[in-house]
Structure formats: C-alpha cells, structure tokens
Amino acid sequence: MGGKCLKYASSTTTGYPDRLVLLPEGRVFWVELKTTGKKPGKKQQLRHQELRDLGQVVYVVDSARSLELALALMDRAVIAERIRREEEL
C-alpha cells in the first residue's frame, strides 16, 4: 500500500497497540496484534479508547480474516482521502 508499519513501544506507558501504520495521504492507523481468538486486556482496551477519543483508528487483528478486513478498510480510507484532496483542487 506504499506505507510503513512500525513497531510501537512507549518507554513510559503500557497498553498501546503494537503497530503504527503510516500510509499515503497522511492516513495513520494503530494495530493491536493478538493470538487467534484472544482479546485486548483491560489496560489495552483503555488505551484503545483513549486513542479513538482522539480521533485515531485502532484495529485489533487476531486472524488472517481480520487482517484482510483491516487492510481493506485502510485502503478505502486512503482512496477516500485521495479523492477528497483531488476534489479540493
């Protein structure tokens, strides 16, 4: 998709998602990677909600299917932003 997927680790605060995905058109996504069927813990849920309250997008990926869905949603967001920017011109 032409972006970067960075491992994220805060040296001072726990519970943030594992990956920070930076895509074209300025789109940013947080991704929490879990073992199949595993859910985020309470602290992770709190951090995810804090990020969402700031307008950030957080995906929890625990299977090939959830990864495919997250990637499809990210791709749609990039395309939508590209169209929006072109319409501004």
PDB file of N, CA and C in Angstrom:
ATOM      1  N   MET A   1       0.816  -1.198   0.000  1.00  0.00           N
ATOM      2  CA  MET A   1       0.000   0.000   0.000  1.00  0.00           C
ATOM      3  C   MET A   1       0.855   1.256   0.000  1.00  0.00           C
ATOM      4  N   GLY A   2       2.173   1.067   0.028  1.00  0.00           N
ATOM      5  CA  GLY A   2       3.064   2.208  -0.089  1.00  0.00           C
ATOM      6  C   GLY A   2       3.333   2.948   1.200  1.00  0.00           C
ATOM      7  N   GLY A   3       3.164   2.287   2.328  1.00  0.00           N
ATOM      8  CA  GLY A   3       3.371   2.956   3.611  1.00  0.00           C
ATOM      9  C   GLY A   3       4.421   2.276   4.456  1.00  0.00           C
ATOM     10  N   LYS A   4       4.356   2.564   5.731  1.00  0.00           N
ATOM     11  CA  LYS A   4       5.274   1.987   6.715  1.00  0.00           C
ATOM     12  C   LYS A   4       4.454   1.395   7.852  1.00  0.00           C
ATOM     13  N   CYS A   5       4.883   0.252   8.358  1.00  0.00           N
ATOM     14  CA  CYS A   5       4.265  -0.375   9.520  1.00  0.00           C
ATOM     15  C   CYS A   5       5.356  -0.468  10.585  1.00  0.00           C
ATOM     16  N   LEU A   6       5.245   0.388  11.583  1.00  0.00           N
ATOM     17  CA  LEU A   6       6.289   0.498  12.607  1.00  0.00           C
ATOM     18  C   LEU A   6       5.876  -0.190  13.896  1.00  0.00           C
ATOM     19  N   LYS A   7       6.812  -0.871  14.527  1.00  0.00           N
ATOM     20  CA  LYS A   7       6.551  -1.425  15.857  1.00  0.00           C
ATOM     21  C   LYS A   7       6.532  -0.260  16.824  1.00  0.00           C
ATOM     22  N   TYR A   8       5.494  -0.199  17.651  1.00  0.00           N
ATOM     23  CA  TYR A   8       5.375   0.901  18.597  1.00  0.00           C
ATOM     24  C   TYR A   8       5.565   0.376  20.009  1.00  0.00           C
ATOM     25  N   ALA A   9       6.380   1.075  20.772  1.00  0.00           N
ATOM     26  CA  ALA A   9       6.577   0.742  22.183  1.00  0.00           C
ATOM     27  C   ALA A   9       6.868   2.033  22.930  1.00  0.00           C
ATOM     28  N   SER A  10       6.027   2.322  23.907  1.00  0.00           N
ATOM     29  CA  SER A  10       6.245   3.504  24.740  1.00  0.00           C
ATOM     30  C   SER A  10       7.133   3.104  25.904  1.00  0.00           C
ATOM     31  N   SER A  11       8.137   3.909  26.175  1.00  0.00           N
ATOM     32  CA  SER A  11       9.041   3.595  27.286  1.00  0.00           C
ATOM     33  C   SER A  11       8.437   3.993  28.631  1.00  0.00           C
ATOM     34  N   THR A  12       7.324   4.731  28.605  1.00  0.00           N
ATOM     35  CA  THR A  12       6.741   5.214  29.863  1.00  0.00           C
ATOM     36  C   THR A  12       5.321   4.741  30.135  1.00  0.00           C
ATOM     37  N   THR A  13       4.608   4.256  29.104  1.00  0.00           N
ATOM     38  CA  THR A  13       3.213   3.884  29.284  1.00  0.00           C
ATOM     39  C   THR A  13       2.926   2.572  28.569  1.00  0.00           C
ATOM     40  N   THR A  14       2.178   1.691  29.216  1.00  0.00           N
ATOM     41  CA  THR A  14       1.852   0.392  28.620  1.00  0.00           C
ATOM     42  C   THR A  14       0.434   0.398  28.050  1.00  0.00           C
ATOM     43  N   GLY A  15       0.154  -0.617  27.243  1.00  0.00           N
ATOM     44  CA  GLY A  15      -1.196  -0.831  26.743  1.00  0.00           C
ATOM     45  C   GLY A  15      -1.478  -0.306  25.358  1.00  0.00           C
ATOM     46  N   TYR A  16      -0.527   0.403  24.759  1.00  0.00           N
ATOM     47  CA  TYR A  16      -0.764   0.926  23.417  1.00  0.00           C
ATOM     48  C   TYR A  16      -0.660  -0.195  22.388  1.00  0.00           C
ATOM     49  N   PRO A  17      -1.324  -0.031  21.233  1.00  0.00           N
ATOM     50  CA  PRO A  17      -1.247  -1.052  20.190  1.00  0.00           C
ATOM     51  C   PRO A  17       0.192  -1.303  19.735  1.00  0.00           C
ATOM     52  N   ASP A  18       0.403  -2.496  19.195  1.00  0.00           N
ATOM     53  CA  ASP A  18       1.739  -2.957  18.807  1.00  0.00           C
ATOM     54  C   ASP A  18       2.329  -2.229  17.604  1.00  0.00           C
ATOM     55  N   ARG A  19       1.474  -1.860  16.675  1.00  0.00           N
ATOM     56  CA  ARG A  19       1.967  -1.303  15.416  1.00  0.00           C
ATOM     57  C   ARG A  19       1.316   0.043  15.110  1.00  0.00           C
ATOM     58  N   LEU A  20       2.100   0.886  14.476  1.00  0.00           N
ATOM     59  CA  LEU A  20       1.636   2.176  13.977  1.00  0.00           C
ATOM     60  C   LEU A  20       1.800   2.122  12.464  1.00  0.00           C
ATOM     61  N   VAL A  21       0.694   2.209  11.746  1.00  0.00           N
ATOM     62  CA  VAL A  21       0.706   2.091  10.291  1.00  0.00           C
ATOM     63  C   VAL A  21       0.562   3.490   9.690  1.00  0.00           C
ATOM     64  N   LEU A  22       1.548   3.882   8.906  1.00  0.00           N
ATOM     65  CA  LEU A  22       1.576   5.190   8.251  1.00  0.00           C
ATOM     66  C   LEU A  22       1.405   4.965   6.756  1.00  0.00           C
ATOM     67  N   LEU A  23       0.308   5.486   6.206  1.00  0.00           N
ATOM     68  CA  LEU A  23       0.008   5.260   4.801  1.00  0.00           C
ATOM     69  C   LEU A  23      -0.025   6.572   4.030  1.00  0.00           C
ATOM     70  N   PRO A  24       0.000   6.470   2.697  1.00  0.00           N
ATOM     71  CA  PRO A  24      -0.092   7.677   1.873  1.00  0.00           C
ATOM     72  C   PRO A  24      -1.339   8.487   2.223  1.00  0.00           C
ATOM     73  N   GLU A  25      -1.322   9.730   1.811  1.00  0.00           N
ATOM     74  CA  GLU A  25      -2.406  10.680   2.040  1.00  0.00           C
ATOM     75  C   GLU A  25      -2.544  11.048   3.515  1.00  0.00           C
ATOM     76  N   GLY A  26      -1.490  10.789   4.299  1.00  0.00           N
ATOM     77  CA  GLY A  26      -1.499  11.190   5.696  1.00  0.00           C
ATOM     78  C   GLY A  26      -2.340  10.314   6.601  1.00  0.00           C
ATOM     79  N   ARG A  27      -2.716   9.144   6.137  1.00  0.00           N
ATOM     80  CA  ARG A  27      -3.571   8.258   6.941  1.00  0.00           C
ATOM     81  C   ARG A  27      -2.713   7.496   7.950  1.00  0.00           C
ATOM     82  N   VAL A  28      -3.194   7.438   9.193  1.00  0.00           N
ATOM     83  CA  VAL A  28      -2.489   6.766  10.290  1.00  0.00           C
ATOM     84  C   VAL A  28      -3.457   5.804  10.968  1.00  0.00           C
ATOM     85  N   PHE A  29      -2.980   4.601  11.246  1.00  0.00           N
ATOM     86  CA  PHE A  29      -3.790   3.582  11.909  1.00  0.00           C
ATOM     87  C   PHE A  29      -2.953   2.896  12.986  1.00  0.00           C
ATOM     88  N   TRP A  30      -3.606   2.527  14.065  1.00  0.00           N
ATOM     89  CA  TRP A  30      -2.982   1.743  15.125  1.00  0.00           C
ATOM     90  C   TRP A  30      -3.490   0.312  14.999  1.00  0.00           C
ATOM     91  N   VAL A  31      -2.596  -0.667  15.168  1.00  0.00           N
ATOM     92  CA  VAL A  31      -2.989  -2.068  15.047  1.00  0.00           C
ATOM     93  C   VAL A  31      -2.484  -2.849  16.266  1.00  0.00           C
ATOM     94  N   GLU A  32      -3.415  -3.518  16.918  1.00  0.00           N
ATOM     95  CA  GLU A  32      -3.103  -4.413  18.037  1.00  0.00           C
ATOM     96  C   GLU A  32      -3.096  -5.832  17.493  1.00  0.00           C
ATOM     97  N   LEU A  33      -1.993  -6.532  17.636  1.00  0.00           N
ATOM     98  CA  LEU A  33      -1.869  -7.910  17.168  1.00  0.00           C
ATOM     99  C   LEU A  33      -2.106  -8.864  18.328  1.00  0.00           C
ATOM    100  N   LYS A  34      -3.016  -9.820  18.112  1.00  0.00           N
ATOM    101  CA  LYS A  34      -3.343 -10.790  19.150  1.00  0.00           C
ATOM    102  C   LYS A  34      -3.297 -12.197  18.565  1.00  0.00           C
ATOM    103  N   THR A  35      -3.119 -13.175  19.435  1.00  0.00           N
ATOM    104  CA  THR A  35      -3.247 -14.569  19.051  1.00  0.00           C
ATOM    105  C   THR A  35      -4.709 -14.823  18.691  1.00  0.00           C
ATOM    106  N   THR A  36      -4.944 -15.760  17.797  1.00  0.00           N
ATOM    107  CA  THR A  36      -6.301 -16.048  17.337  1.00  0.00           C
ATOM    108  C   THR A  36      -7.268 -16.218  18.509  1.00  0.00           C
ATOM    109  N   GLY A  37      -8.336 -15.445  18.461  1.00  0.00           N
ATOM    110  CA  GLY A  37      -9.381 -15.532  19.475  1.00  0.00           C
ATOM    111  C   GLY A  37      -9.107 -14.771  20.755  1.00  0.00           C
ATOM    112  N   LYS A  38      -7.908 -14.243  20.902  1.00  0.00           N
ATOM    113  CA  LYS A  38      -7.531 -13.510  22.119  1.00  0.00           C
ATOM    114  C   LYS A  38      -8.003 -12.068  22.006  1.00  0.00           C
ATOM    115  N   LYS A  39      -8.456 -11.500  23.113  1.00  0.00           N
ATOM    116  CA  LYS A  39      -8.953 -10.121  23.145  1.00  0.00           C
ATOM    117  C   LYS A  39      -7.971  -9.227  23.898  1.00  0.00           C
ATOM    118  N   PRO A  40      -7.994  -7.926  23.617  1.00  0.00           N
ATOM    119  CA  PRO A  40      -7.138  -6.998  24.365  1.00  0.00           C
ATOM    120  C   PRO A  40      -7.503  -7.001  25.853  1.00  0.00           C
ATOM    121  N   GLY A  41      -6.481  -6.820  26.697  1.00  0.00           N
ATOM    122  CA  GLY A  41      -6.698  -6.737  28.143  1.00  0.00           C
ATOM    123  C   GLY A  41      -7.333  -5.401  28.512  1.00  0.00           C
ATOM    124  N   LYS A  42      -7.656  -5.245  29.791  1.00  0.00           N
ATOM    125  CA  LYS A  42      -8.335  -4.037  30.267  1.00  0.00           C
ATOM    126  C   LYS A  42      -7.518  -2.766  29.994  1.00  0.00           C
ATOM    127  N   LYS A  43      -6.214  -2.809  30.286  1.00  0.00           N
ATOM    128  CA  LYS A  43      -5.382  -1.624  30.042  1.00  0.00           C
ATOM    129  C   LYS A  43      -5.313  -1.324  28.549  1.00  0.00           C
ATOM    130  N   GLN A  44      -5.203  -2.361  27.725  1.00  0.00           N
ATOM    131  CA  GLN A  44      -5.181  -2.158  26.280  1.00  0.00           C
ATOM    132  C   GLN A  44      -6.502  -1.554  25.799  1.00  0.00           C
ATOM    133  N   GLN A  45      -7.607  -2.051  26.318  1.00  0.00           N
ATOM    134  CA  GLN A  45      -8.916  -1.501  25.946  1.00  0.00           C
ATOM    135  C   GLN A  45      -9.001  -0.021  26.310  1.00  0.00           C
ATOM    136  N   LEU A  46      -8.477   0.324  27.469  1.00  0.00           N
ATOM    137  CA  LEU A  46      -8.466   1.727  27.903  1.00  0.00           C
ATOM    138  C   LEU A  46      -7.642   2.580  26.934  1.00  0.00           C
ATOM    139  N   ARG A  47      -6.451   2.126  26.587  1.00  0.00           N
ATOM    140  CA  ARG A  47      -5.595   2.872  25.663  1.00  0.00           C
ATOM    141  C   ARG A  47      -6.250   2.995  24.283  1.00  0.00           C
ATOM    142  N   HIS A  48      -6.856   1.902  23.816  1.00  0.00           N
ATOM    143  CA  HIS A  48      -7.525   1.934  22.511  1.00  0.00           C
ATOM    144  C   HIS A  48      -8.631   2.981  22.524  1.00  0.00           C
ATOM    145  N   GLN A  49      -9.397   3.030  23.616  1.00  0.00           N
ATOM    146  CA  GLN A  49     -10.479   4.010  23.704  1.00  0.00           C
ATOM    147  C   GLN A  49      -9.923   5.433  23.775  1.00  0.00           C
ATOM    148  N   GLU A  50      -8.838   5.622  24.497  1.00  0.00           N
ATOM    149  CA  GLU A  50      -8.205   6.949  24.551  1.00  0.00           C
ATOM    150  C   GLU A  50      -7.804   7.406  23.146  1.00  0.00           C
ATOM    151  N   LEU A  51      -7.226   6.494  22.365  1.00  0.00           N
ATOM    152  CA  LEU A  51      -6.834   6.832  21.001  1.00  0.00           C
ATOM    153  C   LEU A  51      -8.056   7.146  20.146  1.00  0.00           C
ATOM    154  N   ARG A  52      -9.090   6.328  20.268  1.00  0.00           N
ATOM    155  CA  ARG A  52     -10.317   6.577  19.495  1.00  0.00           C
ATOM    156  C   ARG A  52     -10.949   7.909  19.878  1.00  0.00           C
ATOM    157  N   ASP A  53     -10.904   8.243  21.155  1.00  0.00           N
ATOM    158  CA  ASP A  53     -11.446   9.532  21.608  1.00  0.00           C
ATOM    159  C   ASP A  53     -10.685  10.707  20.998  1.00  0.00           C
ATOM    160  N   LEU A  54      -9.436  10.464  20.597  1.00  0.00           N
ATOM    161  CA  LEU A  54      -8.618  11.483  19.933  1.00  0.00           C
ATOM    162  C   LEU A  54      -8.806  11.459  18.411  1.00  0.00           C
ATOM    163  N   GLY A  55      -9.734  10.624  17.949  1.00  0.00           N
ATOM    164  CA  GLY A  55      -9.989  10.543  16.513  1.00  0.00           C
ATOM    165  C   GLY A  55      -9.105   9.559  15.772  1.00  0.00           C
ATOM    166  N   GLN A  56      -8.357   8.752  16.503  1.00  0.00           N
ATOM    167  CA  GLN A  56      -7.483   7.769  15.881  1.00  0.00           C
ATOM    168  C   GLN A  56      -8.272   6.500  15.556  1.00  0.00           C
ATOM    169  N   VAL A  57      -7.780   5.742  14.586  1.00  0.00           N
ATOM    170  CA  VAL A  57      -8.403   4.475  14.207  1.00  0.00           C
ATOM    171  C   VAL A  57      -7.545   3.350  14.763  1.00  0.00           C
ATOM    172  N   VAL A  58      -8.198   2.411  15.489  1.00  0.00           N
ATOM    173  CA  VAL A  58      -7.499   1.277  16.089  1.00  0.00           C
ATOM    174  C   VAL A  58      -8.153  -0.008  15.593  1.00  0.00           C
ATOM    175  N   TYR A  59      -7.342  -0.914  15.073  1.00  0.00           N
ATOM    176  CA  TYR A  59      -7.818  -2.232  14.662  1.00  0.00           C
ATOM    177  C   TYR A  59      -7.181  -3.284  15.552  1.00  0.00           C
ATOM    178  N   VAL A  60      -7.954  -4.314  15.890  1.00  0.00           N
ATOM    179  CA  VAL A  60      -7.423  -5.480  16.589  1.00  0.00           C
ATOM    180  C   VAL A  60      -7.406  -6.616  15.583  1.00  0.00           C
ATOM    181  N   VAL A  61      -6.232  -7.171  15.339  1.00  0.00           N
ATOM    182  CA  VAL A  61      -6.048  -8.221  14.339  1.00  0.00           C
ATOM    183  C   VAL A  61      -5.663  -9.502  15.059  1.00  0.00           C
ATOM    184  N   ASP A  62      -6.522 -10.543  14.890  1.00  0.00           N
ATOM    185  CA  ASP A  62      -6.248 -11.820  15.551  1.00  0.00           C
ATOM    186  C   ASP A  62      -6.363 -13.011  14.597  1.00  0.00           C
ATOM    187  N   SER A  63      -6.488 -12.719  13.294  1.00  0.00           N
ATOM    188  CA  SER A  63      -6.607 -13.804  12.313  1.00  0.00           C
ATOM    189  C   SER A  63      -6.292 -13.255  10.920  1.00  0.00           C
ATOM    190  N   ALA A  64      -6.133 -14.168   9.983  1.00  0.00           N
ATOM    191  CA  ALA A  64      -5.902 -13.749   8.601  1.00  0.00           C
ATOM    192  C   ALA A  64      -7.105 -12.947   8.103  1.00  0.00           C
ATOM    193  N   ARG A  65      -8.298 -13.357   8.475  1.00  0.00           N
ATOM    194  CA  ARG A  65      -9.520 -12.658   8.040  1.00  0.00           C
ATOM    195  C   ARG A  65      -9.583 -11.245   8.605  1.00  0.00           C
ATOM    196  N   SER A  66      -9.265 -11.089   9.897  1.00  0.00           N
ATOM    197  CA  SER A  66      -9.322  -9.741  10.479  1.00  0.00           C
ATOM    198  C   SER A  66      -8.219  -8.854   9.899  1.00  0.00           C
ATOM    199  N   LEU A  67      -7.090  -9.443   9.518  1.00  0.00           N
ATOM    200  CA  LEU A  67      -6.032  -8.683   8.851  1.00  0.00           C
ATOM    201  C   LEU A  67      -6.508  -8.210   7.476  1.00  0.00           C
ATOM    202  N   GLU A  68      -7.123  -9.119   6.717  1.00  0.00           N
ATOM    203  CA  GLU A  68      -7.648  -8.752   5.402  1.00  0.00           C
ATOM    204  C   GLU A  68      -8.660  -7.614   5.520  1.00  0.00           C
ATOM    205  N   LEU A  69      -9.545  -7.696   6.510  1.00  0.00           N
ATOM    206  CA  LEU A  69     -10.556  -6.663   6.707  1.00  0.00           C
ATOM    207  C   LEU A  69      -9.907  -5.327   7.062  1.00  0.00           C
ATOM    208  N   ALA A  70      -8.949  -5.348   7.992  1.00  0.00           N
ATOM    209  CA  ALA A  70      -8.265  -4.107   8.394  1.00  0.00           C
ATOM    210  C   ALA A  70      -7.552  -3.479   7.198  1.00  0.00           C
ATOM    211  N   LEU A  71      -6.862  -4.285   6.407  1.00  0.00           N
ATOM    212  CA  LEU A  71      -6.160  -3.765   5.235  1.00  0.00           C
ATOM    213  C   LEU A  71      -7.132  -3.180   4.214  1.00  0.00           C
ATOM    214  N   ALA A  72      -8.266  -3.843   4.018  1.00  0.00           N
ATOM    215  CA  ALA A  72      -9.262  -3.329   3.077  1.00  0.00           C
ATOM    216  C   ALA A  72      -9.814  -1.986   3.553  1.00  0.00           C
ATOM    217  N   LEU A  73     -10.080  -1.863   4.848  1.00  0.00           N
ATOM    218  CA  LEU A  73     -10.588  -0.608   5.401  1.00  0.00           C
ATOM    219  C   LEU A  73      -9.537   0.503   5.301  1.00  0.00           C
ATOM    220  N   MET A  74      -8.285   0.160   5.544  1.00  0.00           N
ATOM    221  CA  MET A  74      -7.211   1.144   5.415  1.00  0.00           C
ATOM    222  C   MET A  74      -7.105   1.611   3.973  1.00  0.00           C
ATOM    223  N   ASP A  75      -7.170   0.672   3.032  1.00  0.00           N
ATOM    224  CA  ASP A  75      -7.074   1.010   1.621  1.00  0.00           C
ATOM    225  C   ASP A  75      -8.222   1.946   1.213  1.00  0.00           C
ATOM    226  N   ARG A  76      -9.417   1.657   1.666  1.00  0.00           N
ATOM    227  CA  ARG A  76     -10.571   2.516   1.358  1.00  0.00           C
ATOM    228  C   ARG A  76     -10.379   3.920   1.917  1.00  0.00           C
ATOM    229  N   ALA A  77      -9.818   4.005   3.127  1.00  0.00           N
ATOM    230  CA  ALA A  77      -9.592   5.317   3.743  1.00  0.00           C
ATOM    231  C   ALA A  77      -8.578   6.128   2.944  1.00  0.00           C
ATOM    232  N   VAL A  78      -7.531   5.475   2.460  1.00  0.00           N
ATOM    233  CA  VAL A  78      -6.515   6.163   1.652  1.00  0.00           C
ATOM    234  C   VAL A  78      -7.131   6.645   0.346  1.00  0.00           C
ATOM    235  N   ILE A  79      -7.914   5.786  -0.294  1.00  0.00           N
ATOM    236  CA  ILE A  79      -8.558   6.167  -1.555  1.00  0.00           C
ATOM    237  C   ILE A  79      -9.522   7.323  -1.330  1.00  0.00           C
ATOM    238  N   ALA A  80     -10.324   7.253  -0.265  1.00  0.00           N
ATOM    239  CA  ALA A  80     -11.277   8.322   0.029  1.00  0.00           C
ATOM    240  C   ALA A  80     -10.557   9.645   0.266  1.00  0.00           C
ATOM    241  N   GLU A  81      -9.437   9.602   0.973  1.00  0.00           N
ATOM    242  CA  GLU A  81      -8.675  10.830   1.227  1.00  0.00           C
ATOM    243  C   GLU A  81      -8.094  11.374  -0.068  1.00  0.00           C
ATOM    244  N   ARG A  82      -7.616  10.488  -0.926  1.00  0.00           N
ATOM    245  CA  ARG A  82      -7.061  10.914  -2.216  1.00  0.00           C
ATOM    246  C   ARG A  82      -8.144  11.607  -3.047  1.00  0.00           C
ATOM    247  N   ILE A  83      -9.339  11.035  -3.086  1.00  0.00           N
ATOM    248  CA  ILE A  83     -10.460  11.640  -3.828  1.00  0.00           C
ATOM    249  C   ILE A  83     -10.823  12.985  -3.223  1.00  0.00           C
ATOM    250  N   ARG A  84     -10.900  13.056  -1.901  1.00  0.00           N
ATOM    251  CA  ARG A  84     -11.243  14.310  -1.232  1.00  0.00           C
ATOM    252  C   ARG A  84     -10.245  15.405  -1.587  1.00  0.00           C
ATOM    253  N   ARG A  85      -8.959  15.056  -1.577  1.00  0.00           N
ATOM    254  CA  ARG A  85      -7.928  16.050  -1.901  1.00  0.00           C
ATOM    255  C   ARG A  85      -7.994  16.490  -3.350  1.00  0.00           C
ATOM    256  N   GLU A  86      -8.285  15.553  -4.244  1.00  0.00           N
ATOM    257  CA  GLU A  86      -8.395  15.906  -5.666  1.00  0.00           C
ATOM    258  C   GLU A  86      -9.587  16.814  -5.912  1.00  0.00           C
ATOM    259  N   GLU A  87     -10.677  16.606  -5.192  1.00  0.00           N
ATOM    260  CA  GLU A  87     -11.858  17.454  -5.344  1.00  0.00           C
ATOM    261  C   GLU A  87     -11.617  18.872  -4.842  1.00  0.00           C
ATOM    262  N   GLU A  88     -10.676  19.041  -3.909  1.00  0.00           N
ATOM    263  CA  GLU A  88     -10.344  20.366  -3.406  1.00  0.00           C
ATOM    264  C   GLU A  88      -9.607  21.203  -4.445  1.00  0.00           C
ATOM    265  N   LEU A  89      -8.944  20.529  -5.374  1.00  0.00           N
ATOM    266  CA  LEU A  89      -8.150  21.248  -6.388  1.00  0.00           C
ATOM    267  C   LEU A  89      -9.027  21.927  -7.353  1.00  0.00           C
TER     268      LEU A  89
END
